[in-house]
Amino acid sequence: NKVTAKPVTIGIADEHIGFIVGRGGRNITEIRQ
């Protein structure tokens, strides 16, 4: 269960980070894409 939950948690965290970075500065978001 832990192994299955890890990718999901990382995926959700990545989305939150991308959203926060997007609000903080679009330049960083463009570089990531």
C-alpha atoms as a PDB file:
ATOM      1  CA  ASN A   1       0.000   0.000   0.000  1.00  0.00           C
ATOM      2  CA  LYS A   2       2.805   2.418   0.874  1.00  0.00           C
ATOM      3  CA  VAL A   3       4.526   1.824  -2.461  1.00  0.00           C
ATOM      4  CA  THR A   4       1.245   2.470  -4.283  1.00  0.00           C
ATOM      5  CA  ALA A   5       0.505   5.597  -2.247  1.00  0.00           C
ATOM      6  CA  LYS A   6       3.930   7.164  -2.809  1.00  0.00           C
ATOM      7  CA  PRO A   7       3.544   7.991  -6.544  1.00  0.00           C
ATOM      8  CA  VAL A   8       0.085   9.437  -5.875  1.00  0.00           C
ATOM      9  CA  THR A   9       1.406  11.621  -3.050  1.00  0.00           C
ATOM     10  CA  ILE A  10       4.323  12.792  -5.189  1.00  0.00           C
ATOM     11  CA  GLY A  11       1.974  13.541  -8.080  1.00  0.00           C
ATOM     12  CA  ILE A  12      -0.339  15.596  -5.854  1.00  0.00           C
ATOM     13  CA  ALA A  13       2.625  17.397  -4.289  1.00  0.00           C
ATOM     14  CA  ASP A  14       4.021  18.167  -7.746  1.00  0.00           C
ATOM     15  CA  GLU A  15       0.681  19.670  -8.791  1.00  0.00           C
ATOM     16  CA  HIS A  16       0.570  21.835  -5.656  1.00  0.00           C
ATOM     17  CA  ILE A  17       4.174  22.954  -6.189  1.00  0.00           C
ATOM     18  CA  GLY A  18       3.452  23.755  -9.833  1.00  0.00           C
ATOM     19  CA  PHE A  19       0.376  25.755  -8.797  1.00  0.00           C
ATOM     20  CA  ILE A  20       2.288  27.674  -6.109  1.00  0.00           C
ATOM     21  CA  VAL A  21       5.203  28.329  -8.465  1.00  0.00           C
ATOM     22  CA  GLY A  22       2.722  29.422 -11.135  1.00  0.00           C
ATOM     23  CA  ARG A  23       1.292  32.006  -8.720  1.00  0.00           C
ATOM     24  CA  GLY A  24       4.763  33.086  -7.562  1.00  0.00           C
ATOM     25  CA  GLY A  25       6.275  33.474 -11.026  1.00  0.00           C
ATOM     26  CA  ARG A  26       5.163  32.354 -14.475  1.00  0.00           C
ATOM     27  CA  ASN A  27       8.761  32.334 -15.729  1.00  0.00           C
ATOM     28  CA  ILE A  28       9.646  29.372 -13.492  1.00  0.00           C
ATOM     29  CA  THR A  29       6.542  27.497 -14.645  1.00  0.00           C
ATOM     30  CA  GLU A  30       7.459  28.069 -18.297  1.00  0.00           C
ATOM     31  CA  ILE A  31      10.972  26.746 -17.677  1.00  0.00           C
ATOM     32  CA  ARG A  32       9.575  23.567 -16.050  1.00  0.00           C
ATOM     33  CA  GLN A  33       7.319  22.915 -19.041  1.00  0.00           C
END
